[in-house]
Amino acid sequence: MQAFSNSFIFFCMIFYNIIKNSFNHLERRVRPFNKELSLSTIIFALFVYLIWGGNVVSIKIGLDGIPPIAMAGLRFSIGAICIFIWAKISSIPLHIKRKELIFHLINGVFFMIQISLFYVGMVYATASHASILINTNPFFIALFAHFFITGDTISSRKIFGLLFAFLGIIFIFYDKQNIGSFSIAGDAIILLSAFLLSLRIIYIKRLLESFEPTKVVFWEFLIGVPLFFVSSLLLEGNSQLNFTLPVIVAVLYQGIIVAGFCFVASTVLLQRHNPSIMSSFSFAIPLSGVILSHLLLGDAITKNLIFGSLFVIYGIYIVTTHRLKNKK
C-alpha cells in the first residue's frame, strides 16, 4: 500500500503540472457559458447519467468474451464512428490546425490511460464497487475546479450536498453481499482512474473554451483508439476472444449509447455549466448501476440500497437548487 500511495502522489504531481502548463498556452476562443441550471437541463442530465449507469454492467458482461483494453478499443471505435456521423449530419467541422494538435494529444493520451485503468480494474472489482468508486471523482473535481476554473469556487452548500450524496454511496457500498470478496487491487486501480477522470474533466472544461464539444470528443477517441489496440496487442496478445450475443450487445451498448450519445451529451453539458455542479449528477450513475446490476446480474435490492438512493437524490438536489435560487 505504501508503494501505491507513493505512485499515486507521483501521478498527481505529473498530471497537475501537465494541465497547468498546457492551460498557459491554450488560446481562449469561446467564452465559457456557465449557465444556470433549468429544470429541463436537470432532467436531461439525470437521464444521461442514469443510462450511463448501465456501462459497468455491460463491461462485466463483455469481459466474458473480450479482454479489457481490447474491449475499450472496440467500444470507442464504435463511438468514434457514431460521433463522426453525427458531426456530418450536423455540419460540425472536425478539422484541427497543426498548432492545436498538442492539446488534443494530451487529452487523448490522458483519456486512454484513465479508461484503460478503469477497464482493468473492472476485471477484479465487482460492477457495484466499480460504479461507486469511479464516482468519487466529484470530490477531486470540486478541489481542482477551485484552482483551474474561473468562478467555480468551493462553497459550504456545495460541499454539504456532495458529502450528503456520498453518504448514500456508503449505504450502497456496505450493502453488497460480496463486500469481502472484491479485490483491493481492483478498487485501488479504479480509484486512480477516478482521480485521473477528475483531471480530465477539468482539462476538457478548459478545452471547451476554445473548441466545439463534438470536435473534442471525436479527437479524444481518434487518438485513444489506436493506443488501446496497441496496448492490447502488447499486454493481452494471448487472450481468447468469444463473441457471444450478450458480449456483442454489451459492446454495442458501450459504443453507441455510452461512448456515442452519453459522451457528447455530457460534454455539451460540461461546456455550458460548471464542472463541479455537473459532476454532482454523476452520483446517479452508481444508483443506476446497482439497479441494473439487480435486473441483469441478479444483485439484491435491499433497505440500504433504498436509503442510499434517497441520500444520493437529495445530495443532487442540494447542490443544484442553490443555483436555481440564485437565478431568481
Protein backbone atom coordinates (compact mmCIF):
# COMPACT_ATOMS: atom_id res chain seq x y z
CA MET A 1 0.00 0.00 0.00
CA GLN A 2 2.93 2.34 0.67
CA ALA A 3 4.17 1.77 -2.88
CA PHE A 4 0.70 2.51 -4.23
CA SER A 5 0.49 5.72 -2.17
CA ASN A 6 3.85 6.93 -3.46
CA SER A 7 2.88 6.10 -7.05
CA PHE A 8 -0.45 7.87 -6.60
CA ILE A 9 1.24 11.07 -5.36
CA PHE A 10 3.75 10.85 -8.23
CA PHE A 11 0.93 10.61 -10.80
CA CYS A 12 -0.86 13.53 -9.11
CA MET A 13 2.18 15.78 -9.47
CA ILE A 14 2.78 14.80 -13.11
CA PHE A 15 -0.77 15.33 -14.33
CA TYR A 16 -1.25 18.50 -12.28
CA ASN A 17 1.77 20.06 -13.96
CA ILE A 18 0.74 18.85 -17.44
CA ILE A 19 -2.66 20.50 -17.10
CA LYS A 20 -1.29 23.68 -15.52
CA ASN A 21 1.37 24.17 -18.21
CA SER A 22 -0.99 23.43 -21.11
CA PHE A 23 -3.53 25.93 -19.74
CA ASN A 24 -0.94 28.67 -20.01
CA HIS A 25 -0.61 28.13 -23.78
CA LEU A 26 -4.23 27.46 -24.72
CA GLU A 27 -5.90 30.34 -26.52
CA ARG A 28 -9.46 31.12 -25.45
CA ARG A 29 -11.81 31.46 -28.41
CA VAL A 30 -15.15 30.56 -26.93
CA ARG A 31 -16.49 32.22 -23.82
CA PRO A 32 -17.49 29.60 -21.23
CA PHE A 33 -21.22 29.66 -20.66
CA ASN A 34 -21.51 28.51 -17.02
CA LYS A 35 -25.28 28.87 -17.41
CA GLU A 36 -27.73 28.39 -14.58
CA LEU A 37 -29.49 25.04 -14.49
CA SER A 38 -33.08 24.92 -15.75
CA LEU A 39 -35.49 22.15 -14.81
CA SER A 40 -35.26 20.67 -18.32
CA THR A 41 -31.45 20.62 -18.07
CA ILE A 42 -31.61 18.81 -14.72
CA ILE A 43 -33.99 16.19 -16.14
CA PHE A 44 -31.85 15.70 -19.25
CA ALA A 45 -28.63 15.40 -17.20
CA LEU A 46 -30.24 12.82 -14.92
CA PHE A 47 -31.41 10.85 -17.96
CA VAL A 48 -27.90 10.85 -19.47
CA TYR A 49 -26.23 9.69 -16.27
CA LEU A 50 -28.88 7.09 -15.47
CA ILE A 51 -28.39 5.29 -18.78
CA TRP A 52 -24.64 5.76 -18.33
CA GLY A 53 -25.02 3.61 -15.22
CA GLY A 54 -25.56 0.59 -17.45
CA ASN A 55 -21.95 0.89 -18.61
CA VAL A 56 -20.46 -1.07 -15.70
CA VAL A 57 -22.95 -3.90 -16.22
CA SER A 58 -22.22 -4.06 -19.95
CA ILE A 59 -18.47 -4.07 -19.26
CA LYS A 60 -18.86 -7.01 -16.86
CA ILE A 61 -20.87 -8.91 -19.47
CA GLY A 62 -18.37 -8.03 -22.20
CA LEU A 63 -15.42 -9.25 -20.12
CA ASP A 64 -16.76 -12.78 -20.51
CA GLY A 65 -15.60 -12.73 -24.13
CA ILE A 66 -13.14 -9.85 -24.65
CA PRO A 67 -10.08 -8.70 -22.64
CA PRO A 68 -10.50 -5.27 -21.02
CA ILE A 69 -8.24 -2.98 -23.07
CA ALA A 70 -9.31 -4.57 -26.37
CA MET A 71 -12.95 -4.06 -25.38
CA ALA A 72 -12.24 -0.39 -24.65
CA GLY A 73 -10.74 -0.09 -28.14
CA LEU A 74 -13.81 -1.68 -29.75
CA ARG A 75 -16.17 0.48 -27.70
CA PHE A 76 -14.55 3.77 -28.65
CA SER A 77 -14.09 2.73 -32.27
CA ILE A 78 -17.87 2.42 -32.46
CA GLY A 79 -18.23 5.66 -30.52
CA ALA A 80 -15.91 7.50 -32.93
CA ILE A 81 -17.97 6.32 -35.91
CA CYS A 82 -21.20 7.48 -34.22
CA ILE A 83 -19.73 10.90 -33.47
CA PHE A 84 -18.33 11.24 -37.00
CA ILE A 85 -21.78 10.53 -38.47
CA TRP A 86 -23.38 13.00 -36.03
CA ALA A 87 -20.84 15.68 -36.96
CA LYS A 88 -21.50 15.21 -40.68
CA ILE A 89 -25.28 15.32 -40.22
CA SER A 90 -24.98 18.44 -38.06
CA SER A 91 -22.36 20.09 -40.31
CA ILE A 92 -19.89 20.29 -37.42
CA PRO A 93 -16.27 20.69 -38.65
CA LEU A 94 -13.81 18.21 -37.14
CA HIS A 95 -10.61 19.52 -38.74
CA ILE A 96 -7.97 20.95 -36.40
CA LYS A 97 -4.93 23.11 -37.04
CA ARG A 98 -1.42 21.79 -36.51
CA LYS A 99 -0.80 24.05 -33.52
CA GLU A 100 -3.98 22.70 -31.87
CA LEU A 101 -2.89 19.07 -32.14
CA ILE A 102 -0.81 19.10 -28.94
CA PHE A 103 -3.85 19.90 -26.79
CA HIS A 104 -5.85 17.04 -28.32
CA LEU A 105 -2.86 14.70 -27.98
CA ILE A 106 -2.64 15.43 -24.25
CA ASN A 107 -6.36 14.83 -23.90
CA GLY A 108 -6.26 11.63 -25.98
CA VAL A 109 -3.37 10.07 -24.07
CA PHE A 110 -4.93 11.16 -20.78
CA PHE A 111 -8.21 9.57 -21.92
CA MET A 112 -6.60 6.27 -22.93
CA ILE A 113 -4.74 5.87 -19.61
CA GLN A 114 -7.79 6.70 -17.49
CA ILE A 115 -10.16 4.39 -19.40
CA SER A 116 -7.62 1.54 -19.51
CA LEU A 117 -7.20 1.70 -15.74
CA PHE A 118 -10.97 1.60 -15.30
CA TYR A 119 -11.42 -1.42 -17.58
CA VAL A 120 -8.53 -3.33 -15.99
CA GLY A 121 -9.91 -2.55 -12.53
CA MET A 122 -13.28 -3.93 -13.64
CA VAL A 123 -11.64 -7.34 -14.10
CA TYR A 124 -11.00 -7.56 -10.34
CA ALA A 125 -13.72 -5.39 -8.78
CA THR A 126 -17.47 -6.04 -8.79
CA ALA A 127 -19.73 -3.93 -11.02
CA SER A 128 -21.32 -2.30 -7.97
CA HIS A 129 -17.99 -1.37 -6.39
CA ALA A 130 -16.67 -0.05 -9.71
CA SER A 131 -19.78 2.07 -10.20
CA ILE A 132 -19.37 3.57 -6.75
CA LEU A 133 -15.61 4.11 -6.75
CA ILE A 134 -15.35 5.72 -10.19
CA ASN A 135 -17.85 8.30 -8.98
CA THR A 136 -15.64 9.57 -6.19
CA ASN A 137 -14.32 11.93 -8.89
CA PRO A 138 -16.65 14.85 -7.91
CA PHE A 139 -14.57 15.36 -4.75
CA PHE A 140 -11.39 15.70 -6.81
CA ILE A 141 -13.24 17.90 -9.30
CA ALA A 142 -14.53 20.27 -6.60
CA LEU A 143 -10.94 20.71 -5.39
CA PHE A 144 -9.26 21.16 -8.79
CA ALA A 145 -12.04 23.33 -10.27
CA HIS A 146 -11.46 25.77 -7.42
CA PHE A 147 -7.95 26.40 -8.79
CA PHE A 148 -8.43 25.89 -12.55
CA ILE A 149 -11.95 27.10 -13.45
CA THR A 150 -12.86 30.76 -13.02
CA GLY A 151 -15.96 31.25 -10.87
CA ASP A 152 -16.20 27.59 -9.85
CA THR A 153 -15.26 28.02 -6.19
CA ILE A 154 -15.97 25.61 -3.36
CA SER A 155 -18.95 26.72 -1.26
CA SER A 156 -20.17 25.25 2.02
CA ARG A 157 -23.51 24.31 0.44
CA LYS A 158 -21.77 22.56 -2.46
CA ILE A 159 -19.57 20.57 -0.06
CA PHE A 160 -22.58 19.66 2.08
CA GLY A 161 -24.52 18.41 -0.95
CA LEU A 162 -21.64 16.32 -2.25
CA LEU A 163 -20.98 14.81 1.17
CA PHE A 164 -24.67 14.06 1.66
CA ALA A 165 -24.78 12.26 -1.67
CA PHE A 166 -21.62 10.37 -0.77
CA LEU A 167 -23.31 9.12 2.40
CA GLY A 168 -25.82 7.49 0.09
CA ILE A 169 -22.96 5.87 -1.78
CA ILE A 170 -21.66 4.47 1.51
CA PHE A 171 -25.08 2.97 2.26
CA ILE A 172 -24.96 1.17 -1.09
CA PHE A 173 -21.30 0.24 -0.66
CA TYR A 174 -21.79 -1.60 2.63
CA ASP A 175 -24.91 -3.32 1.38
CA LYS A 176 -23.21 -5.58 -1.14
CA GLN A 177 -23.22 -9.25 -0.17
CA ASN A 178 -19.79 -9.91 -1.64
CA ILE A 179 -18.08 -6.96 0.03
CA GLY A 180 -15.40 -9.26 1.45
CA SER A 181 -14.54 -10.90 -1.87
CA PHE A 182 -13.66 -7.97 -4.11
CA SER A 183 -10.02 -7.27 -4.87
CA ILE A 184 -8.28 -4.40 -3.07
CA ALA A 185 -6.02 -4.04 -6.08
CA GLY A 186 -9.05 -3.65 -8.37
CA ASP A 187 -10.54 -1.00 -6.11
CA ALA A 188 -7.22 0.87 -5.95
CA ILE A 189 -6.91 0.86 -9.76
CA ILE A 190 -10.44 2.24 -10.15
CA LEU A 191 -9.78 4.93 -7.53
CA LEU A 192 -6.72 6.02 -9.51
CA SER A 193 -8.91 6.07 -12.63
CA ALA A 194 -11.43 8.27 -10.77
CA PHE A 195 -8.66 10.71 -9.89
CA LEU A 196 -7.49 10.89 -13.50
CA LEU A 197 -11.11 11.29 -14.63
CA SER A 198 -11.46 14.38 -12.45
CA LEU A 199 -8.36 15.93 -14.04
CA ARG A 200 -9.69 15.01 -17.49
CA ILE A 201 -12.98 16.77 -16.77
CA ILE A 202 -11.16 19.92 -15.67
CA TYR A 203 -8.89 19.78 -18.71
CA ILE A 204 -11.84 19.23 -21.08
CA LYS A 205 -13.67 22.14 -19.48
CA ARG A 206 -10.70 24.33 -20.40
CA LEU A 207 -10.54 22.89 -23.94
CA LEU A 208 -14.21 23.70 -24.42
CA GLU A 209 -13.40 27.36 -24.03
CA SER A 210 -11.54 27.05 -27.34
CA PHE A 211 -13.07 24.09 -29.21
CA GLU A 212 -16.52 22.79 -30.15
CA PRO A 213 -17.64 19.85 -27.92
CA THR A 214 -18.10 17.29 -30.70
CA LYS A 215 -14.60 18.02 -32.02
CA VAL A 216 -13.07 17.50 -28.56
CA VAL A 217 -14.77 14.12 -28.08
CA PHE A 218 -14.02 12.94 -31.64
CA TRP A 219 -10.29 13.66 -31.40
CA GLU A 220 -10.19 12.17 -27.92
CA PHE A 221 -11.48 8.91 -29.39
CA LEU A 222 -9.43 9.13 -32.60
CA ILE A 223 -6.18 9.44 -30.65
CA GLY A 224 -7.15 6.99 -27.91
CA VAL A 225 -8.40 4.09 -30.07
CA PRO A 226 -5.03 3.22 -31.71
CA LEU A 227 -3.38 3.42 -28.29
CA PHE A 228 -5.95 0.98 -26.89
CA PHE A 229 -5.29 -1.58 -29.63
CA VAL A 230 -1.50 -1.25 -29.45
CA SER A 231 -1.61 -1.67 -25.67
CA SER A 232 -3.95 -4.65 -26.00
CA LEU A 233 -1.64 -6.28 -28.54
CA LEU A 234 1.32 -5.86 -26.19
CA LEU A 235 -0.43 -6.79 -22.94
CA GLU A 236 -3.32 -9.05 -23.99
CA GLY A 237 -1.94 -10.74 -27.10
CA ASN A 238 -2.57 -14.26 -25.84
CA SER A 239 -6.14 -13.67 -24.65
CA GLN A 240 -9.01 -15.64 -26.19
CA LEU A 241 -11.97 -13.91 -27.84
CA ASN A 242 -15.53 -15.24 -27.55
CA PHE A 243 -18.12 -13.12 -29.38
CA THR A 244 -21.38 -14.41 -27.98
CA LEU A 245 -24.65 -12.49 -28.46
CA PRO A 246 -24.60 -10.99 -24.91
CA VAL A 247 -20.98 -9.88 -25.41
CA ILE A 248 -21.79 -8.24 -28.76
CA VAL A 249 -24.84 -6.43 -27.32
CA ALA A 250 -22.76 -5.27 -24.34
CA VAL A 251 -20.06 -3.80 -26.61
CA LEU A 252 -22.67 -2.10 -28.82
CA TYR A 253 -24.27 -0.56 -25.72
CA GLN A 254 -20.91 0.77 -24.58
CA GLY A 255 -20.10 2.09 -28.05
CA ILE A 256 -23.37 3.55 -29.33
CA ILE A 257 -25.23 4.54 -26.15
CA VAL A 258 -22.40 5.47 -23.78
CA ALA A 259 -19.41 6.38 -25.97
CA GLY A 260 -21.64 7.93 -28.63
CA PHE A 261 -24.66 9.61 -27.08
CA CYS A 262 -23.64 9.99 -23.42
CA PHE A 263 -20.13 11.33 -24.10
CA VAL A 264 -21.36 14.03 -26.48
CA ALA A 265 -24.32 14.96 -24.26
CA SER A 266 -22.15 15.22 -21.13
CA THR A 267 -19.51 17.25 -22.99
CA VAL A 268 -22.13 19.75 -24.16
CA LEU A 269 -23.47 20.00 -20.59
CA LEU A 270 -19.92 20.50 -19.31
CA GLN A 271 -19.37 23.32 -21.78
CA ARG A 272 -22.43 25.20 -20.55
CA HIS A 273 -22.22 24.60 -16.80
CA ASN A 274 -19.61 24.48 -14.04
CA PRO A 275 -17.91 21.06 -13.81
CA SER A 276 -18.39 20.62 -10.05
CA ILE A 277 -22.14 21.28 -10.46
CA MET A 278 -22.43 18.83 -13.38
CA SER A 279 -20.32 16.26 -11.53
CA SER A 280 -22.99 16.11 -8.82
CA PHE A 281 -25.27 14.42 -11.34
CA SER A 282 -22.74 11.62 -11.75
CA PHE A 283 -23.99 10.24 -8.43
CA ALA A 284 -26.95 8.96 -10.48
CA ILE A 285 -24.55 6.58 -12.25
CA PRO A 286 -23.91 4.25 -9.27
CA LEU A 287 -27.63 4.41 -8.42
CA SER A 288 -28.49 3.24 -11.93
CA GLY A 289 -25.58 0.79 -11.96
CA VAL A 290 -26.74 -1.01 -8.81
CA ILE A 291 -30.35 -1.18 -10.02
CA LEU A 292 -29.31 -2.54 -13.42
CA SER A 293 -26.98 -5.00 -11.67
CA HIS A 294 -30.08 -6.32 -9.89
CA LEU A 295 -32.10 -6.58 -13.09
CA LEU A 296 -29.39 -8.05 -15.31
CA LEU A 297 -26.88 -9.70 -12.94
CA GLY A 298 -29.19 -10.74 -10.09
CA ASP A 299 -27.97 -8.42 -7.31
CA ALA A 300 -30.47 -7.94 -4.48
CA ILE A 301 -32.29 -4.65 -3.77
CA THR A 302 -32.31 -4.03 -0.01
CA LYS A 303 -33.08 -1.33 2.56
CA ASN A 304 -29.55 0.03 2.31
CA LEU A 305 -29.99 0.48 -1.41
CA ILE A 306 -33.29 2.34 -0.93
CA PHE A 307 -31.89 4.67 1.77
CA GLY A 308 -28.72 5.19 -0.25
CA SER A 309 -30.77 6.17 -3.30
CA LEU A 310 -32.67 8.78 -1.28
CA PHE A 311 -29.43 10.28 0.03
CA VAL A 312 -27.99 10.44 -3.49
CA ILE A 313 -31.05 12.19 -4.92
CA TYR A 314 -31.20 14.66 -2.03
CA GLY A 315 -27.49 15.44 -2.38
CA ILE A 316 -28.03 16.30 -6.05
CA TYR A 317 -30.99 18.47 -5.04
CA ILE A 318 -28.89 20.44 -2.53
CA VAL A 319 -26.08 21.11 -5.00
CA THR A 320 -28.31 22.13 -7.91
CA THR A 321 -31.12 24.09 -6.24
CA HIS A 322 -28.89 26.82 -4.78
CA ARG A 323 -28.04 27.77 -8.37
CA LEU A 324 -31.72 27.86 -9.28
CA LYS A 325 -32.46 30.07 -6.26
CA ASN A 326 -29.62 32.43 -7.19
CA LYS A 327 -31.12 32.73 -10.66
CA LYS A 328 -34.30 34.06 -9.15
